Amino acid sequence: MTYSGILILYIVFRLKQLICDFFLQNTYMVTHKHMPWREGGAKALFTHAGIHALFTFAIVMFYAPSLWWLGFLDLFVHASIDRIKACLTHGKGWNYKDNVFWWVFGIDQEAHNFSHLLYIVVILSKTGLLL
């Protein structure tokens, strides 16, 4: 794979994050991910993480179908990152008016970015495309 091909794969994962986290995540998901499991927390969190998993699955099926299981891995990785962020911000009562809320938000986004980078390395390693 060329450097531009790797860059395109990275951009595809970044677009996936943008689309799934900001355009396809609805108010219910945002407002319930931090709640106890039986009060809608599990449904909201796993619906949101499931959307991410489906997009990751689609990307992987295009580049390296034998790595289909990365979609399932993304379900749990994304859910874990989001649950930690949601419980922390809501547990501490932090909101968009607090600087620390934005620090946690930024760390959350970078954790997703690093997980995508890991998936890219796995894809490139498995397919023999790693330079």
N, C-alpha and C. Protein backbone atom coordinates (compact mmCIF):
# COMPACT_ATOMS: atom_id res chain seq x y z
N MET A 1 0.85 -1.18 0.00
CA MET A 1 0.00 0.00 0.00
C MET A 1 0.90 1.24 0.00
N THR A 2 0.52 2.19 -0.77
CA THR A 2 1.29 3.43 -0.85
C THR A 2 1.02 4.30 0.36
N TYR A 3 1.86 5.30 0.54
CA TYR A 3 1.64 6.24 1.62
C TYR A 3 0.28 6.93 1.47
N SER A 4 -0.08 7.26 0.25
CA SER A 4 -1.38 7.92 0.05
C SER A 4 -2.52 6.95 0.37
N GLY A 5 -2.34 5.66 0.11
CA GLY A 5 -3.35 4.67 0.46
C GLY A 5 -3.54 4.56 1.96
N ILE A 6 -2.43 4.61 2.69
CA ILE A 6 -2.50 4.57 4.16
C ILE A 6 -3.19 5.83 4.67
N LEU A 7 -2.85 6.96 4.08
CA LEU A 7 -3.49 8.22 4.47
C LEU A 7 -5.00 8.16 4.21
N ILE A 8 -5.39 7.61 3.09
CA ILE A 8 -6.82 7.48 2.77
C ILE A 8 -7.51 6.59 3.80
N LEU A 9 -6.88 5.48 4.17
CA LEU A 9 -7.46 4.60 5.18
C LEU A 9 -7.62 5.34 6.51
N TYR A 10 -6.63 6.11 6.88
CA TYR A 10 -6.72 6.91 8.11
C TYR A 10 -7.87 7.92 8.02
N ILE A 11 -7.99 8.59 6.89
CA ILE A 11 -9.07 9.57 6.70
C ILE A 11 -10.43 8.88 6.75
N VAL A 12 -10.53 7.69 6.20
CA VAL A 12 -11.79 6.93 6.25
C VAL A 12 -12.19 6.67 7.71
N PHE A 13 -11.22 6.27 8.53
CA PHE A 13 -11.52 6.04 9.94
C PHE A 13 -11.88 7.34 10.66
N ARG A 14 -11.24 8.43 10.33
CA ARG A 14 -11.58 9.73 10.95
C ARG A 14 -12.98 10.16 10.53
N LEU A 15 -13.34 9.95 9.26
CA LEU A 15 -14.69 10.27 8.80
C LEU A 15 -15.72 9.39 9.50
N LYS A 16 -15.37 8.13 9.71
CA LYS A 16 -16.25 7.22 10.44
C LYS A 16 -16.52 7.78 11.84
N GLN A 17 -15.46 8.27 12.50
CA GLN A 17 -15.63 8.83 13.84
C GLN A 17 -16.54 10.06 13.81
N LEU A 18 -16.31 10.92 12.87
CA LEU A 18 -17.12 12.13 12.73
C LEU A 18 -18.59 11.79 12.48
N ILE A 19 -18.83 10.91 11.53
CA ILE A 19 -20.21 10.55 11.16
C ILE A 19 -20.92 9.86 12.31
N CYS A 20 -20.27 8.86 12.90
CA CYS A 20 -20.93 8.06 13.94
C CYS A 20 -21.07 8.81 15.26
N ASP A 21 -20.06 9.61 15.62
CA ASP A 21 -20.11 10.29 16.92
C ASP A 21 -20.93 11.57 16.89
N PHE A 22 -21.00 12.23 15.74
CA PHE A 22 -21.66 13.53 15.72
C PHE A 22 -22.92 13.59 14.87
N PHE A 23 -22.97 12.87 13.78
CA PHE A 23 -24.15 12.94 12.92
C PHE A 23 -25.16 11.84 13.21
N LEU A 24 -24.70 10.67 13.62
CA LEU A 24 -25.62 9.55 13.85
C LEU A 24 -25.92 9.31 15.33
N GLN A 25 -25.28 10.01 16.22
CA GLN A 25 -25.57 9.87 17.64
C GLN A 25 -26.69 10.85 18.01
N ASN A 26 -27.78 10.30 18.49
CA ASN A 26 -28.92 11.16 18.81
C ASN A 26 -28.92 11.58 20.28
N THR A 27 -29.87 12.43 20.63
CA THR A 27 -29.96 12.97 21.97
C THR A 27 -30.15 11.87 23.01
N TYR A 28 -30.93 10.85 22.68
CA TYR A 28 -31.14 9.75 23.62
C TYR A 28 -29.82 9.08 23.98
N MET A 29 -29.01 8.81 22.99
CA MET A 29 -27.72 8.15 23.24
C MET A 29 -26.84 9.03 24.12
N VAL A 30 -26.76 10.31 23.79
CA VAL A 30 -25.90 11.23 24.53
C VAL A 30 -26.36 11.36 25.98
N THR A 31 -27.66 11.43 26.19
CA THR A 31 -28.18 11.69 27.54
C THR A 31 -28.39 10.45 28.39
N HIS A 32 -28.21 9.27 27.81
CA HIS A 32 -28.44 8.05 28.58
C HIS A 32 -27.22 7.14 28.73
N LYS A 33 -26.14 7.41 28.02
CA LYS A 33 -24.97 6.53 28.08
C LYS A 33 -24.39 6.41 29.48
N HIS A 34 -24.54 7.43 30.28
CA HIS A 34 -23.98 7.43 31.63
C HIS A 34 -24.90 6.79 32.66
N MET A 35 -26.12 6.53 32.29
CA MET A 35 -27.11 6.03 33.24
C MET A 35 -26.86 4.56 33.60
N PRO A 36 -27.41 4.11 34.72
CA PRO A 36 -27.31 2.68 35.06
C PRO A 36 -27.87 1.83 33.92
N TRP A 37 -27.33 0.63 33.79
CA TRP A 37 -27.71 -0.25 32.68
C TRP A 37 -29.22 -0.42 32.55
N ARG A 38 -29.90 -0.66 33.65
CA ARG A 38 -31.34 -0.95 33.61
C ARG A 38 -32.18 0.29 33.34
N GLU A 39 -31.59 1.45 33.44
CA GLU A 39 -32.32 2.70 33.19
C GLU A 39 -32.05 3.26 31.80
N GLY A 40 -31.60 2.42 30.92
CA GLY A 40 -31.37 2.84 29.54
C GLY A 40 -29.92 3.04 29.17
N GLY A 41 -29.02 2.94 30.14
CA GLY A 41 -27.61 3.16 29.85
C GLY A 41 -27.04 2.15 28.87
N ALA A 42 -27.36 0.88 29.07
CA ALA A 42 -26.84 -0.16 28.18
C ALA A 42 -27.38 -0.01 26.78
N LYS A 43 -28.67 0.23 26.67
CA LYS A 43 -29.29 0.37 25.34
C LYS A 43 -28.68 1.55 24.57
N ALA A 44 -28.55 2.68 25.25
CA ALA A 44 -28.01 3.88 24.60
C ALA A 44 -26.55 3.67 24.20
N LEU A 45 -25.78 3.14 25.12
CA LEU A 45 -24.35 2.97 24.87
C LEU A 45 -24.09 1.95 23.76
N PHE A 46 -24.75 0.80 23.82
CA PHE A 46 -24.48 -0.23 22.83
C PHE A 46 -25.13 0.05 21.48
N THR A 47 -26.17 0.86 21.45
CA THR A 47 -26.70 1.30 20.15
C THR A 47 -25.67 2.19 19.47
N HIS A 48 -25.15 3.13 20.23
CA HIS A 48 -24.14 4.05 19.68
C HIS A 48 -22.87 3.29 19.28
N ALA A 49 -22.36 2.45 20.17
CA ALA A 49 -21.14 1.69 19.87
C ALA A 49 -21.38 0.69 18.74
N GLY A 50 -22.61 0.19 18.63
CA GLY A 50 -22.95 -0.73 17.54
C GLY A 50 -22.88 -0.06 16.18
N ILE A 51 -23.28 1.19 16.13
CA ILE A 51 -23.18 1.96 14.88
C ILE A 51 -21.70 2.07 14.48
N HIS A 52 -20.86 2.39 15.45
CA HIS A 52 -19.41 2.45 15.19
C HIS A 52 -18.90 1.09 14.71
N ALA A 53 -19.34 0.03 15.37
CA ALA A 53 -18.89 -1.32 15.02
C ALA A 53 -19.28 -1.67 13.58
N LEU A 54 -20.48 -1.30 13.18
CA LEU A 54 -20.93 -1.58 11.81
C LEU A 54 -20.07 -0.84 10.79
N PHE A 55 -19.75 0.40 11.09
CA PHE A 55 -18.90 1.18 10.17
C PHE A 55 -17.49 0.60 10.11
N THR A 56 -16.95 0.21 11.26
CA THR A 56 -15.62 -0.41 11.28
C THR A 56 -15.66 -1.72 10.50
N PHE A 57 -16.70 -2.50 10.70
CA PHE A 57 -16.86 -3.76 9.97
C PHE A 57 -16.86 -3.50 8.46
N ALA A 58 -17.59 -2.50 8.02
CA ALA A 58 -17.65 -2.18 6.58
C ALA A 58 -16.28 -1.78 6.05
N ILE A 59 -15.55 -0.97 6.80
CA ILE A 59 -14.21 -0.55 6.37
C ILE A 59 -13.30 -1.76 6.26
N VAL A 60 -13.32 -2.59 7.28
CA VAL A 60 -12.45 -3.77 7.32
C VAL A 60 -12.81 -4.74 6.20
N MET A 61 -14.09 -4.92 5.92
CA MET A 61 -14.49 -5.84 4.86
C MET A 61 -14.00 -5.36 3.50
N PHE A 62 -13.82 -4.08 3.34
CA PHE A 62 -13.28 -3.54 2.09
C PHE A 62 -11.77 -3.79 1.98
N TYR A 63 -11.06 -3.57 3.10
CA TYR A 63 -9.60 -3.65 3.08
C TYR A 63 -9.05 -5.04 3.41
N ALA A 64 -9.65 -5.72 4.38
CA ALA A 64 -9.10 -7.00 4.84
C ALA A 64 -10.21 -7.84 5.46
N PRO A 65 -11.03 -8.49 4.64
CA PRO A 65 -12.20 -9.22 5.14
C PRO A 65 -11.90 -10.26 6.23
N SER A 66 -10.71 -10.80 6.25
CA SER A 66 -10.38 -11.79 7.28
C SER A 66 -10.32 -11.17 8.68
N LEU A 67 -10.28 -9.87 8.73
CA LEU A 67 -10.25 -9.17 10.02
C LEU A 67 -11.63 -8.66 10.43
N TRP A 68 -12.68 -9.32 9.99
CA TRP A 68 -14.06 -8.93 10.29
C TRP A 68 -14.29 -8.71 11.78
N TRP A 69 -13.56 -9.44 12.59
CA TRP A 69 -13.72 -9.39 14.04
C TRP A 69 -13.33 -8.02 14.64
N LEU A 70 -12.63 -7.19 13.87
CA LEU A 70 -12.31 -5.84 14.36
C LEU A 70 -13.57 -5.03 14.62
N GLY A 71 -14.64 -5.35 13.89
CA GLY A 71 -15.92 -4.68 14.15
C GLY A 71 -16.40 -4.96 15.56
N PHE A 72 -16.31 -6.22 15.98
CA PHE A 72 -16.71 -6.58 17.34
C PHE A 72 -15.79 -5.96 18.38
N LEU A 73 -14.49 -5.96 18.07
CA LEU A 73 -13.54 -5.33 18.99
C LEU A 73 -13.89 -3.85 19.16
N ASP A 74 -14.21 -3.19 18.05
CA ASP A 74 -14.56 -1.77 18.11
C ASP A 74 -15.81 -1.53 18.96
N LEU A 75 -16.75 -2.45 18.91
CA LEU A 75 -17.95 -2.34 19.75
C LEU A 75 -17.56 -2.18 21.21
N PHE A 76 -16.68 -3.04 21.68
CA PHE A 76 -16.31 -3.02 23.09
C PHE A 76 -15.33 -1.91 23.43
N VAL A 77 -14.39 -1.63 22.53
CA VAL A 77 -13.45 -0.54 22.78
C VAL A 77 -14.18 0.80 22.81
N HIS A 78 -15.02 1.03 21.80
CA HIS A 78 -15.74 2.30 21.74
C HIS A 78 -16.69 2.46 22.93
N ALA A 79 -17.40 1.40 23.27
CA ALA A 79 -18.32 1.44 24.40
C ALA A 79 -17.57 1.74 25.70
N SER A 80 -16.41 1.13 25.88
CA SER A 80 -15.64 1.34 27.11
C SER A 80 -15.16 2.78 27.22
N ILE A 81 -14.62 3.31 26.15
CA ILE A 81 -14.14 4.70 26.15
C ILE A 81 -15.30 5.65 26.46
N ASP A 82 -16.42 5.47 25.77
CA ASP A 82 -17.57 6.36 25.96
C ASP A 82 -18.18 6.23 27.34
N ARG A 83 -18.24 5.02 27.86
CA ARG A 83 -18.82 4.82 29.19
C ARG A 83 -17.98 5.51 30.26
N ILE A 84 -16.67 5.37 30.15
CA ILE A 84 -15.78 6.03 31.11
C ILE A 84 -15.98 7.54 31.06
N LYS A 85 -15.99 8.09 29.84
CA LYS A 85 -16.17 9.54 29.71
C LYS A 85 -17.52 9.98 30.26
N ALA A 86 -18.57 9.27 29.89
CA ALA A 86 -19.92 9.67 30.32
C ALA A 86 -20.08 9.58 31.83
N CYS A 87 -19.61 8.50 32.43
CA CYS A 87 -19.73 8.35 33.88
C CYS A 87 -18.88 9.38 34.62
N LEU A 88 -17.70 9.66 34.09
CA LEU A 88 -16.83 10.64 34.72
C LEU A 88 -17.44 12.03 34.66
N THR A 89 -17.83 12.47 33.48
CA THR A 89 -18.36 13.84 33.36
C THR A 89 -19.68 14.00 34.11
N HIS A 90 -20.57 13.04 33.98
CA HIS A 90 -21.85 13.15 34.69
C HIS A 90 -21.67 12.91 36.18
N GLY A 91 -20.79 12.00 36.54
CA GLY A 91 -20.54 11.71 37.96
C GLY A 91 -19.97 12.90 38.70
N LYS A 92 -19.16 13.67 38.03
CA LYS A 92 -18.56 14.86 38.64
C LYS A 92 -19.41 16.11 38.43
N GLY A 93 -20.46 15.97 37.63
CA GLY A 93 -21.33 17.12 37.37
C GLY A 93 -20.72 18.11 36.39
N TRP A 94 -19.76 17.67 35.60
CA TRP A 94 -19.13 18.56 34.64
C TRP A 94 -20.00 18.71 33.41
N ASN A 95 -20.06 19.92 32.87
CA ASN A 95 -20.79 20.15 31.62
C ASN A 95 -19.97 21.05 30.72
N TYR A 96 -20.56 21.42 29.59
CA TYR A 96 -19.83 22.17 28.57
C TYR A 96 -19.29 23.51 29.07
N LYS A 97 -19.74 23.99 30.22
CA LYS A 97 -19.25 25.25 30.78
C LYS A 97 -17.95 25.08 31.56
N ASP A 98 -17.58 23.83 31.84
CA ASP A 98 -16.39 23.55 32.63
C ASP A 98 -15.21 23.16 31.74
N ASN A 99 -14.05 23.76 32.00
CA ASN A 99 -12.86 23.42 31.21
C ASN A 99 -12.55 21.94 31.27
N VAL A 100 -12.68 21.34 32.44
CA VAL A 100 -12.33 19.93 32.59
C VAL A 100 -13.23 19.04 31.73
N PHE A 101 -14.46 19.45 31.50
CA PHE A 101 -15.35 18.71 30.60
C PHE A 101 -14.71 18.60 29.22
N TRP A 102 -14.15 19.69 28.71
CA TRP A 102 -13.55 19.71 27.38
C TRP A 102 -12.24 18.94 27.35
N TRP A 103 -11.52 18.92 28.48
CA TRP A 103 -10.31 18.10 28.55
C TRP A 103 -10.69 16.62 28.41
N VAL A 104 -11.70 16.20 29.15
CA VAL A 104 -12.15 14.81 29.10
C VAL A 104 -12.70 14.50 27.70
N PHE A 105 -13.44 15.42 27.13
CA PHE A 105 -13.96 15.23 25.78
C PHE A 105 -12.82 15.04 24.78
N GLY A 106 -11.79 15.86 24.88
CA GLY A 106 -10.64 15.74 23.99
C GLY A 106 -9.90 14.43 24.18
N ILE A 107 -9.73 14.01 25.42
CA ILE A 107 -9.08 12.72 25.69
C ILE A 107 -9.91 11.58 25.11
N ASP A 108 -11.23 11.67 25.23
CA ASP A 108 -12.13 10.68 24.66
C ASP A 108 -11.93 10.58 23.14
N GLN A 109 -11.90 11.71 22.48
CA GLN A 109 -11.73 11.69 21.02
C GLN A 109 -10.36 11.15 20.61
N GLU A 110 -9.34 11.48 21.36
CA GLU A 110 -8.01 10.96 21.04
C GLU A 110 -7.91 9.46 21.32
N ALA A 111 -8.61 8.98 22.35
CA ALA A 111 -8.64 7.53 22.61
C ALA A 111 -9.26 6.80 21.42
N HIS A 112 -10.33 7.37 20.86
CA HIS A 112 -10.93 6.77 19.66
C HIS A 112 -9.95 6.84 18.49
N ASN A 113 -9.26 7.96 18.35
CA ASN A 113 -8.29 8.13 17.28
C ASN A 113 -7.19 7.07 17.39
N PHE A 114 -6.68 6.86 18.60
CA PHE A 114 -5.63 5.85 18.79
C PHE A 114 -6.15 4.44 18.54
N SER A 115 -7.41 4.17 18.89
CA SER A 115 -7.95 2.84 18.60
C SER A 115 -8.04 2.63 17.09
N HIS A 116 -8.40 3.67 16.36
CA HIS A 116 -8.44 3.56 14.90
C HIS A 116 -7.04 3.35 14.33
N LEU A 117 -6.07 4.02 14.90
CA LEU A 117 -4.69 3.83 14.46
C LEU A 117 -4.26 2.38 14.69
N LEU A 118 -4.66 1.81 15.81
CA LEU A 118 -4.36 0.40 16.09
C LEU A 118 -5.01 -0.50 15.03
N TYR A 119 -6.27 -0.22 14.69
CA TYR A 119 -6.94 -1.03 13.66
C TYR A 119 -6.21 -0.93 12.32
N ILE A 120 -5.74 0.26 12.00
CA ILE A 120 -5.01 0.45 10.74
C ILE A 120 -3.72 -0.36 10.75
N VAL A 121 -3.00 -0.34 11.85
CA VAL A 121 -1.76 -1.13 11.95
C VAL A 121 -2.08 -2.62 11.80
N VAL A 122 -3.15 -3.09 12.43
CA VAL A 122 -3.55 -4.50 12.31
C VAL A 122 -3.89 -4.83 10.86
N ILE A 123 -4.66 -3.95 10.22
CA ILE A 123 -5.02 -4.17 8.81
C ILE A 123 -3.77 -4.24 7.94
N LEU A 124 -2.88 -3.29 8.12
CA LEU A 124 -1.66 -3.27 7.30
C LEU A 124 -0.76 -4.46 7.59
N SER A 125 -0.68 -4.87 8.84
CA SER A 125 0.15 -6.03 9.20
C SER A 125 -0.42 -7.33 8.64
N LYS A 126 -1.71 -7.49 8.80
CA LYS A 126 -2.37 -8.74 8.36
C LYS A 126 -2.33 -8.91 6.84
N THR A 127 -2.49 -7.81 6.14
CA THR A 127 -2.54 -7.88 4.68
C THR A 127 -1.16 -7.81 4.04
N GLY A 128 -0.13 -7.66 4.87
CA GLY A 128 1.23 -7.56 4.33
C GLY A 128 1.49 -6.23 3.67
N LEU A 129 0.66 -5.26 3.96
CA LEU A 129 0.79 -3.95 3.33
C LEU A 129 1.62 -2.98 4.16
N LEU A 130 1.99 -3.42 5.38
CA LEU A 130 2.79 -2.55 6.23
C LEU A 130 4.17 -2.40 5.59
N LEU A 131 4.59 -1.18 5.42
CA LEU A 131 5.87 -0.91 4.75
C LEU A 131 7.04 -1.32 5.62
